Amino acid sequence: MEVGFFTDPTVCIGCKACEVACKEWNQVPDDGFTWTGNSYD
């Protein structure tokens, strides 16, 4: 299953809350990624 969403990058702080909310809303299973607190930005 592929899902996507649009976001306004001018207000993004890199917290990934939108990604978590999207996965929760669409009942997408956990991908095993563990958030370390480090940013890739």
Protein backbone atom coordinates (compact mmCIF):
# COMPACT_ATOMS: atom_id res chain seq x y z
CA MET A 1 0.00 0.00 0.00
CA GLU A 2 1.32 3.43 -0.90
CA VAL A 3 0.13 6.58 0.84
CA GLY A 4 1.31 10.15 0.61
CA PHE A 5 0.54 13.58 1.92
CA PHE A 6 1.29 17.18 1.15
CA THR A 7 2.90 19.44 3.71
CA ASP A 8 4.08 23.04 3.84
CA PRO A 9 7.89 22.81 4.10
CA THR A 10 8.16 26.43 5.25
CA VAL A 11 6.73 25.46 8.64
CA CYS A 12 8.58 22.14 8.97
CA ILE A 13 10.91 21.79 11.96
CA GLY A 14 11.84 18.16 11.21
CA CYS A 15 9.97 16.61 14.13
CA LYS A 16 8.30 13.95 11.93
CA ALA A 17 5.00 14.30 13.82
CA CYS A 18 3.19 14.48 10.48
CA GLU A 19 4.74 11.15 9.46
CA VAL A 20 3.69 9.51 12.72
CA ALA A 21 0.15 10.91 12.45
CA CYS A 22 -0.17 9.76 8.83
CA LYS A 23 0.94 6.22 9.65
CA GLU A 24 -1.41 6.09 12.64
CA TRP A 25 -4.38 7.48 10.67
CA ASN A 26 -3.86 5.07 7.77
CA GLN A 27 -3.05 2.12 10.05
CA VAL A 28 0.32 1.58 8.38
CA PRO A 29 2.41 -0.92 10.37
CA ASP A 30 5.53 0.21 12.18
CA ASP A 31 8.56 0.13 9.87
CA GLY A 32 10.96 -0.67 12.70
CA PHE A 33 12.58 2.78 12.56
CA THR A 34 13.64 3.98 16.00
CA TRP A 35 13.90 7.74 16.43
CA THR A 36 17.26 8.65 17.95
CA GLY A 37 16.65 12.37 18.32
CA ASN A 38 19.21 13.24 15.64
CA SER A 39 18.05 15.22 12.63
CA TYR A 40 19.01 14.53 9.04
CA ASP A 41 18.42 18.19 8.09
